């Protein structure tokens, strides 16, 4: 008699050995830079740090990013150490049916975050295109920005890693340039307030 396959087993849910993982430590580091430097976080959190000097804003950003990285690592330890995916290790506290609850909540949060980041990215893209070429259409920029993100994601995790490898150094260079060129302005505005 042939043993029936369980609907709970899928090749996508099996543990992954460290040697078989598609992304290395450098790739994760580059993606972390991209996650730490997010326009939406700066725009939303900017109001809370207006009274701080630019140096303290940078220090607070670094501390916050490191804390988030630490918490993500602690929470994801079982996935990192044993190669288990989120839906699999959520079966322990929620059961095989209940695991859909945290998965859906996580998906909803990711959808909202995608929309917020796409909005801020499109706003920045529109401002750059307006300055460089006089093009001013936020909705078109939103559609282009969302499409590029979706296409990059659909190409797989290696495509995301390659994009992060390109974007992270650019983000760091732009951040250093902005700090060097805008710190005097920020200091002057801080004295006015």
N, C-alpha and C. Protein backbone atom coordinates (compact mmCIF):
# COMPACT_ATOMS: atom_id res chain seq x y z
N UNK A 1 0.84 -1.18 0.00
CA UNK A 1 0.00 0.00 0.00
C UNK A 1 0.89 1.25 0.00
N UNK A 2 0.57 2.16 -0.90
CA UNK A 2 1.37 3.37 -1.05
C UNK A 2 0.99 4.39 0.01
N UNK A 3 2.04 4.97 0.61
CA UNK A 3 1.81 5.97 1.65
C UNK A 3 1.34 7.28 1.01
N UNK A 4 0.25 7.84 1.55
CA UNK A 4 -0.28 9.08 0.99
C UNK A 4 0.59 10.27 1.37
N UNK A 5 0.73 11.20 0.43
CA UNK A 5 1.48 12.42 0.69
C UNK A 5 0.64 13.35 1.55
N UNK A 6 1.25 13.96 2.53
CA UNK A 6 0.55 14.88 3.41
C UNK A 6 0.49 16.27 2.77
N UNK A 7 -0.63 16.93 2.90
CA UNK A 7 -0.75 18.29 2.38
C UNK A 7 0.10 19.27 3.20
N UNK A 8 0.56 18.83 4.37
CA UNK A 8 1.39 19.69 5.21
C UNK A 8 2.85 19.69 4.79
N UNK A 9 3.22 18.77 3.91
CA UNK A 9 4.60 18.70 3.45
C UNK A 9 4.71 19.28 2.05
N UNK A 10 5.71 20.11 1.88
CA UNK A 10 5.97 20.72 0.58
C UNK A 10 7.46 20.97 0.49
N UNK A 11 8.04 20.80 -0.71
CA UNK A 11 9.48 21.08 -0.84
C UNK A 11 9.85 22.51 -0.44
N UNK A 12 8.88 23.44 -0.59
CA UNK A 12 9.13 24.84 -0.23
C UNK A 12 9.26 25.04 1.28
N UNK A 13 8.72 24.11 2.06
CA UNK A 13 8.70 24.27 3.51
C UNK A 13 9.79 23.48 4.22
N UNK A 14 10.55 22.68 3.50
CA UNK A 14 11.60 21.88 4.12
C UNK A 14 12.76 22.76 4.58
N UNK A 15 13.44 22.33 5.66
CA UNK A 15 14.60 23.11 6.14
C UNK A 15 15.69 23.20 5.06
N UNK A 16 16.43 24.30 5.09
CA UNK A 16 17.50 24.54 4.12
C UNK A 16 18.83 24.53 4.87
N UNK A 17 19.75 23.71 4.40
CA UNK A 17 21.09 23.70 5.00
C UNK A 17 21.80 25.01 4.70
N UNK A 18 22.71 25.39 5.59
CA UNK A 18 23.43 26.66 5.42
C UNK A 18 24.17 26.70 4.08
N UNK A 19 24.71 25.58 3.67
CA UNK A 19 25.46 25.54 2.40
C UNK A 19 24.56 25.72 1.18
N UNK A 20 23.26 25.46 1.34
CA UNK A 20 22.32 25.57 0.22
C UNK A 20 21.60 26.92 0.17
N UNK A 21 21.84 27.78 1.15
CA UNK A 21 21.17 29.08 1.15
C UNK A 21 21.68 29.91 -0.01
N UNK A 22 20.77 30.68 -0.60
CA UNK A 22 21.09 31.44 -1.80
C UNK A 22 21.76 32.77 -1.51
N UNK A 23 21.66 33.25 -0.28
CA UNK A 23 22.22 34.55 0.06
C UNK A 23 23.23 34.37 1.19
N UNK A 24 24.37 35.01 1.04
CA UNK A 24 25.41 34.96 2.06
C UNK A 24 25.31 36.13 3.03
N UNK A 25 26.27 36.21 3.94
CA UNK A 25 26.28 37.27 4.96
C UNK A 25 26.38 38.65 4.33
N UNK A 26 27.20 38.79 3.28
CA UNK A 26 27.34 40.10 2.62
C UNK A 26 26.02 40.52 1.99
N UNK A 27 25.34 39.59 1.35
CA UNK A 27 24.03 39.89 0.75
C UNK A 27 23.03 40.35 1.78
N UNK A 28 22.98 39.66 2.93
CA UNK A 28 22.08 40.07 4.00
C UNK A 28 22.46 41.45 4.54
N UNK A 29 23.76 41.71 4.65
CA UNK A 29 24.22 43.02 5.14
C UNK A 29 23.79 44.13 4.19
N UNK A 30 23.93 43.90 2.90
CA UNK A 30 23.52 44.91 1.91
C UNK A 30 22.01 45.13 1.95
N UNK A 31 21.24 44.06 2.10
CA UNK A 31 19.78 44.21 2.19
C UNK A 31 19.40 44.93 3.48
N UNK A 32 20.15 44.69 4.55
CA UNK A 32 19.89 45.36 5.82
C UNK A 32 20.11 46.86 5.67
N UNK A 33 21.15 47.27 4.95
CA UNK A 33 21.37 48.70 4.70
C UNK A 33 20.16 49.28 3.99
N UNK A 34 19.67 48.57 2.97
CA UNK A 34 18.49 49.03 2.24
C UNK A 34 17.25 49.11 3.12
N UNK A 35 17.12 48.19 4.08
CA UNK A 35 15.97 48.22 4.98
C UNK A 35 16.12 49.30 6.04
N UNK A 36 17.36 49.59 6.42
CA UNK A 36 17.59 50.61 7.46
C UNK A 36 17.39 52.02 6.91
N UNK A 37 17.77 52.23 5.65
CA UNK A 37 17.64 53.55 5.04
C UNK A 37 16.36 53.56 4.21
N UNK A 38 15.27 53.93 4.84
CA UNK A 38 13.96 53.89 4.21
C UNK A 38 13.36 55.30 4.26
N UNK A 39 12.95 55.80 3.11
CA UNK A 39 12.38 57.15 3.04
C UNK A 39 11.18 57.30 3.96
N UNK A 40 10.33 56.29 4.01
CA UNK A 40 9.12 56.37 4.83
C UNK A 40 9.48 56.55 6.30
N UNK A 41 10.47 55.80 6.77
CA UNK A 41 10.87 55.91 8.18
C UNK A 41 11.40 57.31 8.48
N UNK A 42 12.18 57.87 7.54
CA UNK A 42 12.70 59.21 7.74
C UNK A 42 11.58 60.24 7.74
N UNK A 43 10.66 60.10 6.81
CA UNK A 43 9.56 61.07 6.71
C UNK A 43 8.64 61.00 7.92
N UNK A 44 8.32 59.79 8.35
CA UNK A 44 7.42 59.63 9.49
C UNK A 44 8.12 60.00 10.80
N UNK A 45 9.37 59.58 10.94
CA UNK A 45 10.10 59.83 12.18
C UNK A 45 10.74 61.20 12.26
N UNK A 46 10.76 61.94 11.16
CA UNK A 46 11.42 63.25 11.13
C UNK A 46 10.87 64.23 12.14
N UNK A 47 9.58 64.20 12.36
CA UNK A 47 8.97 65.15 13.29
C UNK A 47 9.43 64.92 14.72
N UNK A 48 9.79 63.70 15.04
CA UNK A 48 10.20 63.39 16.41
C UNK A 48 11.62 63.80 16.75
N UNK A 49 12.41 64.15 15.75
CA UNK A 49 13.82 64.46 16.01
C UNK A 49 14.20 65.88 15.58
N UNK A 50 13.22 66.74 15.40
CA UNK A 50 13.49 68.10 14.94
C UNK A 50 14.35 68.90 15.91
N UNK A 51 14.24 68.60 17.19
CA UNK A 51 15.00 69.36 18.18
C UNK A 51 16.42 68.83 18.37
N UNK A 52 16.75 67.70 17.75
CA UNK A 52 18.08 67.11 17.88
C UNK A 52 19.03 67.66 16.82
N UNK A 53 20.31 67.64 17.14
CA UNK A 53 21.30 68.01 16.13
C UNK A 53 21.41 66.89 15.11
N UNK A 54 21.96 67.19 13.94
CA UNK A 54 22.08 66.19 12.88
C UNK A 54 22.92 65.00 13.33
N UNK A 55 23.95 65.26 14.11
CA UNK A 55 24.80 64.17 14.61
C UNK A 55 24.00 63.22 15.48
N UNK A 56 23.15 63.77 16.37
CA UNK A 56 22.35 62.91 17.24
C UNK A 56 21.26 62.17 16.46
N UNK A 57 20.76 62.77 15.40
CA UNK A 57 19.80 62.08 14.53
C UNK A 57 20.48 60.86 13.90
N UNK A 58 21.71 61.04 13.42
CA UNK A 58 22.45 59.91 12.82
C UNK A 58 22.70 58.84 13.87
N UNK A 59 23.12 59.24 15.08
CA UNK A 59 23.37 58.28 16.16
C UNK A 59 22.09 57.53 16.51
N UNK A 60 20.97 58.25 16.62
CA UNK A 60 19.68 57.61 16.92
C UNK A 60 19.28 56.64 15.82
N UNK A 61 19.52 57.01 14.56
CA UNK A 61 19.20 56.14 13.44
C UNK A 61 20.03 54.86 13.48
N UNK A 62 21.31 55.00 13.78
CA UNK A 62 22.19 53.82 13.85
C UNK A 62 21.76 52.91 15.01
N UNK A 63 21.48 53.50 16.17
CA UNK A 63 21.05 52.69 17.32
C UNK A 63 19.74 51.98 17.01
N UNK A 64 18.78 52.71 16.43
CA UNK A 64 17.50 52.10 16.07
C UNK A 64 17.65 50.98 15.06
N UNK A 65 18.49 51.19 14.04
CA UNK A 65 18.70 50.18 13.01
C UNK A 65 19.38 48.93 13.59
N UNK A 66 20.35 49.14 14.47
CA UNK A 66 21.01 48.00 15.11
C UNK A 66 20.04 47.23 16.02
N UNK A 67 19.19 47.98 16.73
CA UNK A 67 18.21 47.33 17.60
C UNK A 67 17.22 46.50 16.78
N UNK A 68 16.75 47.07 15.67
CA UNK A 68 15.84 46.31 14.80
C UNK A 68 16.53 45.07 14.25
N UNK A 69 17.79 45.23 13.81
CA UNK A 69 18.54 44.08 13.31
C UNK A 69 18.70 43.01 14.37
N UNK A 70 18.96 43.41 15.62
CA UNK A 70 19.11 42.46 16.73
C UNK A 70 17.79 41.73 16.98
N UNK A 71 16.69 42.48 17.05
CA UNK A 71 15.40 41.85 17.31
C UNK A 71 14.99 40.91 16.18
N UNK A 72 15.25 41.30 14.94
CA UNK A 72 14.93 40.43 13.81
C UNK A 72 15.75 39.15 13.90
N UNK A 73 17.02 39.27 14.29
CA UNK A 73 17.87 38.09 14.41
C UNK A 73 17.39 37.18 15.54
N UNK A 74 17.00 37.77 16.67
CA UNK A 74 16.52 36.96 17.80
C UNK A 74 15.22 36.25 17.42
N UNK A 75 14.30 36.98 16.82
CA UNK A 75 13.01 36.40 16.45
C UNK A 75 13.19 35.33 15.37
N UNK A 76 14.08 35.60 14.42
CA UNK A 76 14.27 34.67 13.31
C UNK A 76 15.34 33.63 13.55
N UNK A 77 15.78 33.47 14.82
CA UNK A 77 16.89 32.56 15.12
C UNK A 77 16.62 31.13 14.65
N UNK A 78 15.41 30.64 14.90
CA UNK A 78 15.11 29.26 14.51
C UNK A 78 15.18 29.11 12.99
N UNK A 79 14.79 30.15 12.27
CA UNK A 79 14.88 30.10 10.82
C UNK A 79 16.32 30.18 10.34
N UNK A 80 17.11 31.04 11.00
CA UNK A 80 18.51 31.19 10.61
C UNK A 80 19.30 29.93 10.95
N UNK A 81 19.11 29.42 12.18
CA UNK A 81 19.91 28.29 12.64
C UNK A 81 19.51 26.98 11.97
N UNK A 82 18.21 26.75 11.84
CA UNK A 82 17.73 25.46 11.33
C UNK A 82 17.16 25.51 9.92
N UNK A 83 17.08 26.69 9.34
CA UNK A 83 16.57 26.81 7.97
C UNK A 83 15.08 26.62 7.86
N UNK A 84 14.34 26.84 8.94
CA UNK A 84 12.89 26.68 8.89
C UNK A 84 12.23 27.97 8.42
N UNK A 85 11.20 27.84 7.63
CA UNK A 85 10.48 29.02 7.16
C UNK A 85 9.48 29.48 8.22
N UNK A 86 9.04 30.72 8.09
CA UNK A 86 8.10 31.30 9.05
C UNK A 86 6.83 30.46 9.21
N UNK A 87 6.17 30.03 8.10
CA UNK A 87 4.94 29.24 8.28
C UNK A 87 5.18 27.93 9.03
N UNK A 88 6.36 27.33 8.87
CA UNK A 88 6.62 26.06 9.55
C UNK A 88 6.79 26.27 11.05
N UNK A 89 7.59 27.25 11.47
CA UNK A 89 7.77 27.37 12.91
C UNK A 89 6.61 28.07 13.59
N UNK A 90 5.69 28.65 12.85
CA UNK A 90 4.46 29.17 13.44
C UNK A 90 3.46 28.05 13.74
N UNK A 91 3.72 26.86 13.19
CA UNK A 91 2.83 25.73 13.48
C UNK A 91 2.92 25.32 14.94
N UNK A 92 4.07 25.52 15.57
CA UNK A 92 4.21 25.12 16.98
C UNK A 92 3.25 25.88 17.89
N UNK A 93 3.22 27.22 17.86
CA UNK A 93 2.28 27.91 18.76
C UNK A 93 0.84 27.99 18.24
N UNK A 94 0.63 27.96 16.91
CA UNK A 94 -0.71 28.20 16.36
C UNK A 94 -1.38 26.95 15.78
N UNK A 95 -0.62 25.88 15.58
CA UNK A 95 -1.18 24.68 14.95
C UNK A 95 -1.16 24.80 13.43
N UNK A 96 -1.53 23.73 12.75
CA UNK A 96 -1.44 23.71 11.30
C UNK A 96 -2.49 24.59 10.62
N UNK A 97 -3.64 24.76 11.24
CA UNK A 97 -4.67 25.63 10.67
C UNK A 97 -4.46 27.07 11.17
N UNK A 98 -4.18 27.23 12.45
CA UNK A 98 -4.02 28.55 13.04
C UNK A 98 -2.81 29.31 12.52
N UNK A 99 -1.86 28.61 11.90
CA UNK A 99 -0.67 29.29 11.38
C UNK A 99 -1.01 30.29 10.28
N UNK A 100 -2.20 30.17 9.73
CA UNK A 100 -2.62 31.13 8.70
C UNK A 100 -2.86 32.52 9.29
N UNK A 101 -3.20 32.58 10.57
CA UNK A 101 -3.47 33.88 11.21
C UNK A 101 -2.22 34.77 11.20
N UNK A 102 -1.08 34.32 11.79
CA UNK A 102 0.10 35.20 11.74
C UNK A 102 0.62 35.42 10.32
N UNK A 103 0.42 34.44 9.46
CA UNK A 103 0.87 34.61 8.07
C UNK A 103 0.07 35.71 7.37
N UNK A 104 -1.24 35.74 7.58
CA UNK A 104 -2.08 36.78 6.96
C UNK A 104 -1.77 38.14 7.58
N UNK A 105 -1.60 38.20 8.90
CA UNK A 105 -1.27 39.46 9.57
C UNK A 105 0.07 39.98 9.03
N UNK A 106 1.03 39.09 8.91
CA UNK A 106 2.34 39.47 8.37
C UNK A 106 2.21 39.96 6.92
N UNK A 107 1.39 39.29 6.14
CA UNK A 107 1.16 39.69 4.75
C UNK A 107 0.49 41.06 4.64
N UNK A 108 -0.49 41.32 5.51
CA UNK A 108 -1.16 42.62 5.51
C UNK A 108 -0.19 43.74 5.87
N UNK A 109 0.61 43.50 6.92
CA UNK A 109 1.60 44.50 7.31
C UNK A 109 2.59 44.76 6.17
N UNK A 110 3.01 43.71 5.50
CA UNK A 110 3.95 43.87 4.37
C UNK A 110 3.29 44.63 3.22
N UNK A 111 2.01 44.39 2.98
CA UNK A 111 1.31 45.10 1.91
C UNK A 111 1.21 46.59 2.21
N UNK A 112 0.87 46.93 3.45
CA UNK A 112 0.80 48.35 3.83
C UNK A 112 2.18 49.00 3.73
N UNK A 113 3.21 48.28 4.19
CA UNK A 113 4.56 48.84 4.16
C UNK A 113 5.01 49.02 2.72
N UNK A 114 4.65 48.08 1.84
CA UNK A 114 4.96 48.22 0.42
C UNK A 114 4.32 49.49 -0.14
N UNK A 115 3.04 49.71 0.20
CA UNK A 115 2.33 50.90 -0.29
C UNK A 115 2.94 52.19 0.22
N UNK A 116 3.29 52.21 1.51
CA UNK A 116 3.89 53.42 2.09
C UNK A 116 5.24 53.71 1.44
N UNK A 117 6.07 52.68 1.32
CA UNK A 117 7.39 52.88 0.71
C UNK A 117 7.28 53.26 -0.76
N UNK A 118 6.33 52.69 -1.45
CA UNK A 118 6.14 53.03 -2.86
C UNK A 118 5.69 54.48 -2.98
N UNK A 119 4.82 54.92 -2.08
CA UNK A 119 4.37 56.31 -2.08
C UNK A 119 5.55 57.26 -1.90
N UNK A 120 6.36 57.02 -0.87
CA UNK A 120 7.49 57.91 -0.61
C UNK A 120 8.56 57.81 -1.70
N UNK A 121 8.79 56.61 -2.20
CA UNK A 121 9.75 56.44 -3.30
C UNK A 121 9.29 57.17 -4.56
N UNK A 122 7.99 57.08 -4.87
CA UNK A 122 7.44 57.76 -6.04
C UNK A 122 7.49 59.28 -5.86
N UNK A 123 7.26 59.74 -4.63
CA UNK A 123 7.35 61.17 -4.36
C UNK A 123 8.78 61.68 -4.59
N UNK A 124 9.76 60.91 -4.10
CA UNK A 124 11.17 61.30 -4.31
C UNK A 124 11.53 61.24 -5.79
N UNK A 125 11.09 60.18 -6.46
CA UNK A 125 11.37 60.03 -7.90
C UNK A 125 10.74 61.18 -8.69
N UNK A 126 9.52 61.55 -8.35
CA UNK A 126 8.84 62.65 -9.02
C UNK A 126 9.59 63.97 -8.82
N UNK A 127 10.07 64.19 -7.58
CA UNK A 127 10.82 65.43 -7.29
C UNK A 127 12.12 65.48 -8.09
N UNK A 128 12.82 64.36 -8.18
CA UNK A 128 14.08 64.30 -8.94
C UNK A 128 13.81 64.54 -10.42
N UNK A 129 12.79 63.87 -10.97
CA UNK A 129 12.46 64.05 -12.39
C UNK A 129 11.99 65.48 -12.67
N UNK A 130 11.30 66.08 -11.71
CA UNK A 130 10.84 67.45 -11.88
C UNK A 130 12.03 68.42 -11.94
N UNK A 131 13.01 68.22 -11.07
CA UNK A 131 14.18 69.09 -11.05
C UNK A 131 15.03 68.89 -12.31
N UNK A 132 15.23 67.63 -12.69
CA UNK A 132 16.12 67.34 -13.82
C UNK A 132 15.48 67.60 -15.19
N UNK A 133 14.20 67.21 -15.34
CA UNK A 133 13.58 67.25 -16.67
C UNK A 133 12.28 68.04 -16.73
N UNK A 134 11.81 68.55 -15.60
CA UNK A 134 10.54 69.29 -15.59
C UNK A 134 9.33 68.37 -15.64
N UNK A 135 9.52 67.06 -15.49
CA UNK A 135 8.42 66.09 -15.49
C UNK A 135 7.80 66.06 -14.10
N UNK A 136 6.48 66.27 -14.04
CA UNK A 136 5.80 66.31 -12.74
C UNK A 136 4.49 65.54 -12.82
N UNK A 137 4.55 64.23 -12.55
CA UNK A 137 3.35 63.41 -12.53
C UNK A 137 3.57 62.31 -11.49
N UNK A 138 3.10 62.57 -10.28
CA UNK A 138 3.33 61.65 -9.17
C UNK A 138 2.75 60.28 -9.44
N UNK A 139 1.56 60.20 -10.01
CA UNK A 139 0.90 58.90 -10.22
C UNK A 139 1.69 58.02 -11.19
N UNK A 140 2.23 58.59 -12.25
CA UNK A 140 3.05 57.82 -13.19
C UNK A 140 4.30 57.31 -12.47
N UNK A 141 4.91 58.15 -11.66
CA UNK A 141 6.09 57.73 -10.88
C UNK A 141 5.73 56.60 -9.93
N UNK A 142 4.53 56.68 -9.33
CA UNK A 142 4.07 55.62 -8.42
C UNK A 142 3.96 54.29 -9.17
N UNK A 143 3.34 54.34 -10.35
CA UNK A 143 3.19 53.11 -11.14
C UNK A 143 4.54 52.54 -11.57
N UNK A 144 5.45 53.39 -12.00
CA UNK A 144 6.78 52.94 -12.42
C UNK A 144 7.53 52.35 -11.23
N UNK A 145 7.51 53.05 -10.09
CA UNK A 145 8.23 52.59 -8.90
C UNK A 145 7.68 51.24 -8.43
N UNK A 146 6.36 51.11 -8.37
CA UNK A 146 5.74 49.85 -7.94
C UNK A 146 6.06 48.72 -8.91
N UNK A 147 6.03 49.01 -10.21
CA UNK A 147 6.32 47.99 -11.21
C UNK A 147 7.75 47.49 -11.09
N UNK A 148 8.69 48.42 -10.94
CA UNK A 148 10.11 48.02 -10.79
C UNK A 148 10.29 47.14 -9.56
N UNK A 149 9.65 47.50 -8.46
CA UNK A 149 9.75 46.68 -7.24
C UNK A 149 9.16 45.29 -7.45
N UNK A 150 7.99 45.23 -8.06
CA UNK A 150 7.33 43.94 -8.28
C UNK A 150 8.12 43.04 -9.23
N UNK A 151 8.65 43.64 -10.31
CA UNK A 151 9.45 42.85 -11.27
C UNK A 151 10.70 42.33 -10.59
N UNK A 152 11.39 43.20 -9.84
CA UNK A 152 12.61 42.77 -9.15
C UNK A 152 12.32 41.64 -8.17
N UNK A 153 11.24 41.75 -7.42
CA UNK A 153 10.87 40.72 -6.46
C UNK A 153 10.49 39.42 -7.16
N UNK A 154 9.77 39.52 -8.27
CA UNK A 154 9.34 38.31 -8.99
C UNK A 154 10.51 37.56 -9.61
N UNK A 155 11.64 38.24 -9.81
CA UNK A 155 12.83 37.57 -10.35
C UNK A 155 13.54 36.72 -9.31
N UNK A 156 13.13 36.81 -8.05
CA UNK A 156 13.68 35.94 -7.02
C UNK A 156 14.62 36.67 -6.07
N UNK A 157 14.99 35.95 -5.02
CA UNK A 157 15.79 36.53 -3.95
C UNK A 157 17.18 36.93 -4.44
N UNK A 158 17.72 36.23 -5.42
CA UNK A 158 19.05 36.60 -5.95
C UNK A 158 18.98 37.95 -6.66
N UNK A 159 17.89 38.25 -7.33
CA UNK A 159 17.73 39.55 -7.98
C UNK A 159 17.63 40.66 -6.93
N UNK A 160 16.93 40.38 -5.84
CA UNK A 160 16.83 41.35 -4.75
C UNK A 160 18.22 41.59 -4.16
N UNK A 161 18.98 40.51 -3.98
CA UNK A 161 20.34 40.64 -3.44
C UNK A 161 21.23 41.46 -4.38
N UNK A 162 21.15 41.19 -5.67
CA UNK A 162 21.97 41.95 -6.64
C UNK A 162 21.60 43.43 -6.63
N UNK A 163 20.31 43.73 -6.54
CA UNK A 163 19.87 45.11 -6.46
C UNK A 163 20.39 45.76 -5.18
N UNK A 164 20.32 45.03 -4.07
CA UNK A 164 20.82 45.56 -2.79
C UNK A 164 22.33 45.78 -2.86
N UNK A 165 23.05 44.88 -3.53
CA UNK A 165 24.51 45.05 -3.69
C UNK A 165 24.84 46.34 -4.43
N UNK A 166 23.98 46.73 -5.35
CA UNK A 166 24.17 47.98 -6.09
C UNK A 166 23.68 49.18 -5.28
N UNK A 167 22.52 49.02 -4.65
CA UNK A 167 21.89 50.15 -3.97
C UNK A 167 22.56 50.52 -2.66
N UNK A 168 23.01 49.54 -1.88
CA UNK A 168 23.56 49.84 -0.54
C UNK A 168 24.76 50.77 -0.59
N UNK A 169 25.77 50.52 -1.44
CA UNK A 169 26.89 51.49 -1.48
C UNK A 169 26.44 52.88 -1.95
N UNK A 170 25.49 52.92 -2.88
CA UNK A 170 24.99 54.21 -3.36
C UNK A 170 24.28 54.94 -2.22
N UNK A 171 23.48 54.22 -1.44
CA UNK A 171 22.78 54.81 -0.30
C UNK A 171 23.79 55.36 0.71
N UNK A 172 24.83 54.59 0.98
CA UNK A 172 25.85 55.03 1.95
C UNK A 172 26.57 56.28 1.44
N UNK A 173 26.95 56.29 0.17
CA UNK A 173 27.64 57.45 -0.41
C UNK A 173 26.75 58.69 -0.37
N UNK A 174 25.49 58.54 -0.76
CA UNK A 174 24.56 59.67 -0.74
C UNK A 174 24.34 60.16 0.69
N UNK A 175 24.24 59.22 1.65
CA UNK A 175 24.04 59.61 3.05
C UNK A 175 25.23 60.40 3.57
N UNK A 176 26.45 59.96 3.26
CA UNK A 176 27.65 60.68 3.69
C UNK A 176 27.69 62.06 3.04
N UNK A 177 27.38 62.12 1.73
CA UNK A 177 27.37 63.41 1.03
C UNK A 177 26.34 64.35 1.64
N UNK A 178 25.13 63.82 1.91
CA UNK A 178 24.08 64.66 2.50
C UNK A 178 24.49 65.16 3.87
N UNK A 179 25.10 64.29 4.67
CA UNK A 179 25.52 64.71 6.01
C UNK A 179 26.57 65.81 5.90
N UNK A 180 27.53 65.62 5.01
CA UNK A 180 28.61 66.60 4.86
C UNK A 180 28.10 67.93 4.31
N UNK A 181 27.17 67.86 3.35
CA UNK A 181 26.73 69.10 2.71
C UNK A 181 25.57 69.78 3.43
N UNK A 182 24.80 69.05 4.20
CA UNK A 182 23.62 69.64 4.84
C UNK A 182 23.78 69.87 6.34
N UNK A 183 24.88 69.42 6.93
CA UNK A 183 25.01 69.56 8.39
C UNK A 183 25.05 71.02 8.80
N UNK A 184 25.67 71.89 8.00
CA UNK A 184 25.70 73.32 8.33
C UNK A 184 24.30 73.93 8.28
N UNK A 185 23.52 73.55 7.26
CA UNK A 185 22.15 74.05 7.14
C UNK A 185 21.30 73.57 8.32
N UNK A 186 21.44 72.30 8.67
CA UNK A 186 20.66 71.74 9.78
C UNK A 186 21.03 72.42 11.08
N UNK A 187 22.32 72.71 11.26
CA UNK A 187 22.77 73.39 12.47
C UNK A 187 22.20 74.80 12.53
N UNK A 188 22.20 75.52 11.39
CA UNK A 188 21.66 76.87 11.34
C UNK A 188 20.15 76.88 11.62
N UNK A 189 19.43 75.91 11.05
CA UNK A 189 17.99 75.83 11.31
C UNK A 189 17.71 75.48 12.75
N UNK A 190 18.55 74.63 13.33
CA UNK A 190 18.39 74.25 14.73
C UNK A 190 18.54 75.45 15.65
N UNK A 191 19.43 76.36 15.31
CA UNK A 191 19.63 77.56 16.13
C UNK A 191 18.44 78.51 16.00
N UNK A 192 17.79 78.54 14.82
CA UNK A 192 16.62 79.41 14.61
C UNK A 192 15.43 78.94 15.42
N UNK A 193 15.32 77.62 15.59
CA UNK A 193 14.17 77.05 16.31
C UNK A 193 14.39 77.21 17.77
